[in-house]
């Protein structure tokens, strides 16, 4: 059985966590400034399932 993402965390390029949500289907980044971010999808044990690079302009 494939693990399911239950949490998403967004980090800036300094490694600071800037956003956390449990709704992995809808991630609202409207309050973040234009920058490059890393998005981690985590399973229920906190293990990173996937990492994506986001560019907000």
C-alpha atoms as a PDB file:
ATOM      1  CA  UNK A   1       0.000   0.000   0.000  1.00  0.00           C
ATOM      2  CA  UNK A   2       1.360   3.404  -1.019  1.00  0.00           C
ATOM      3  CA  UNK A   3       1.752   5.938   1.852  1.00  0.00           C
ATOM      4  CA  UNK A   4      -0.572   8.939   1.761  1.00  0.00           C
ATOM      5  CA  UNK A   5       0.498  12.518   2.397  1.00  0.00           C
ATOM      6  CA  UNK A   6      -1.291  13.949   5.440  1.00  0.00           C
ATOM      7  CA  UNK A   7       0.692  17.156   5.905  1.00  0.00           C
ATOM      8  CA  UNK A   8       2.497  19.713   3.738  1.00  0.00           C
ATOM      9  CA  UNK A   9       5.264  22.027   4.906  1.00  0.00           C
ATOM     10  CA  UNK A  10       6.754  24.949   2.966  1.00  0.00           C
ATOM     11  CA  UNK A  11      10.300  26.184   3.631  1.00  0.00           C
ATOM     12  CA  UNK A  12      12.103  29.239   2.317  1.00  0.00           C
ATOM     13  CA  UNK A  13      15.656  28.955   0.980  1.00  0.00           C
ATOM     14  CA  UNK A  14      17.054  29.778   4.431  1.00  0.00           C
ATOM     15  CA  UNK A  15      15.439  26.585   5.750  1.00  0.00           C
ATOM     16  CA  UNK A  16      12.787  28.423   7.755  1.00  0.00           C
ATOM     17  CA  UNK A  17       9.368  26.802   7.881  1.00  0.00           C
ATOM     18  CA  UNK A  18       6.932  29.413   6.568  1.00  0.00           C
ATOM     19  CA  UNK A  19       3.697  27.440   6.086  1.00  0.00           C
ATOM     20  CA  UNK A  20       2.113  24.196   7.323  1.00  0.00           C
ATOM     21  CA  UNK A  21      -1.192  22.627   6.354  1.00  0.00           C
ATOM     22  CA  UNK A  22      -2.993  19.326   6.736  1.00  0.00           C
ATOM     23  CA  UNK A  23      -4.940  19.958   3.516  1.00  0.00           C
ATOM     24  CA  UNK A  24      -2.508  18.615   0.898  1.00  0.00           C
ATOM     25  CA  UNK A  25      -5.014  19.156  -1.897  1.00  0.00           C
ATOM     26  CA  UNK A  26      -5.265  22.939  -1.399  1.00  0.00           C
ATOM     27  CA  UNK A  27      -2.138  24.835  -0.412  1.00  0.00           C
ATOM     28  CA  UNK A  28      -2.700  28.586  -0.117  1.00  0.00           C
ATOM     29  CA  UNK A  29       0.544  30.450  -0.742  1.00  0.00           C
ATOM     30  CA  UNK A  30      -1.082  33.837  -1.316  1.00  0.00           C
ATOM     31  CA  UNK A  31       0.412  35.330   1.858  1.00  0.00           C
ATOM     32  CA  UNK A  32       3.974  34.392   0.907  1.00  0.00           C
ATOM     33  CA  UNK A  33       6.271  36.846  -0.858  1.00  0.00           C
ATOM     34  CA  UNK A  34       7.754  36.237  -4.297  1.00  0.00           C
ATOM     35  CA  UNK A  35      10.604  33.789  -3.759  1.00  0.00           C
ATOM     36  CA  UNK A  36      11.702  30.186  -4.230  1.00  0.00           C
ATOM     37  CA  UNK A  37      10.345  27.644  -1.728  1.00  0.00           C
ATOM     38  CA  UNK A  38      10.601  23.937  -0.993  1.00  0.00           C
ATOM     39  CA  UNK A  39       7.377  22.012  -0.427  1.00  0.00           C
ATOM     40  CA  UNK A  40       7.546  18.756   1.556  1.00  0.00           C
ATOM     41  CA  UNK A  41       4.673  16.267   1.600  1.00  0.00           C
ATOM     42  CA  UNK A  42       4.784  14.121   4.742  1.00  0.00           C
ATOM     43  CA  UNK A  43       3.070  10.898   5.787  1.00  0.00           C
ATOM     44  CA  UNK A  44       1.461  10.332   9.184  1.00  0.00           C
ATOM     45  CA  UNK A  45       4.825   9.365  10.743  1.00  0.00           C
ATOM     46  CA  UNK A  46       6.491  12.590   9.549  1.00  0.00           C
ATOM     47  CA  UNK A  47       8.504  10.944   6.780  1.00  0.00           C
ATOM     48  CA  UNK A  48       8.966  13.071   3.658  1.00  0.00           C
ATOM     49  CA  UNK A  49       7.218  11.409   0.728  1.00  0.00           C
ATOM     50  CA  UNK A  50       7.930  14.025  -1.920  1.00  0.00           C
ATOM     51  CA  UNK A  51       9.721  17.367  -2.253  1.00  0.00           C
ATOM     52  CA  UNK A  52       8.882  19.993  -4.839  1.00  0.00           C
ATOM     53  CA  UNK A  53      10.519  23.309  -5.652  1.00  0.00           C
ATOM     54  CA  UNK A  54       8.074  26.220  -5.922  1.00  0.00           C
ATOM     55  CA  UNK A  55       8.749  29.546  -7.585  1.00  0.00           C
ATOM     56  CA  UNK A  56       6.278  32.243  -6.563  1.00  0.00           C
ATOM     57  CA  UNK A  57       6.405  35.366  -8.674  1.00  0.00           C
END
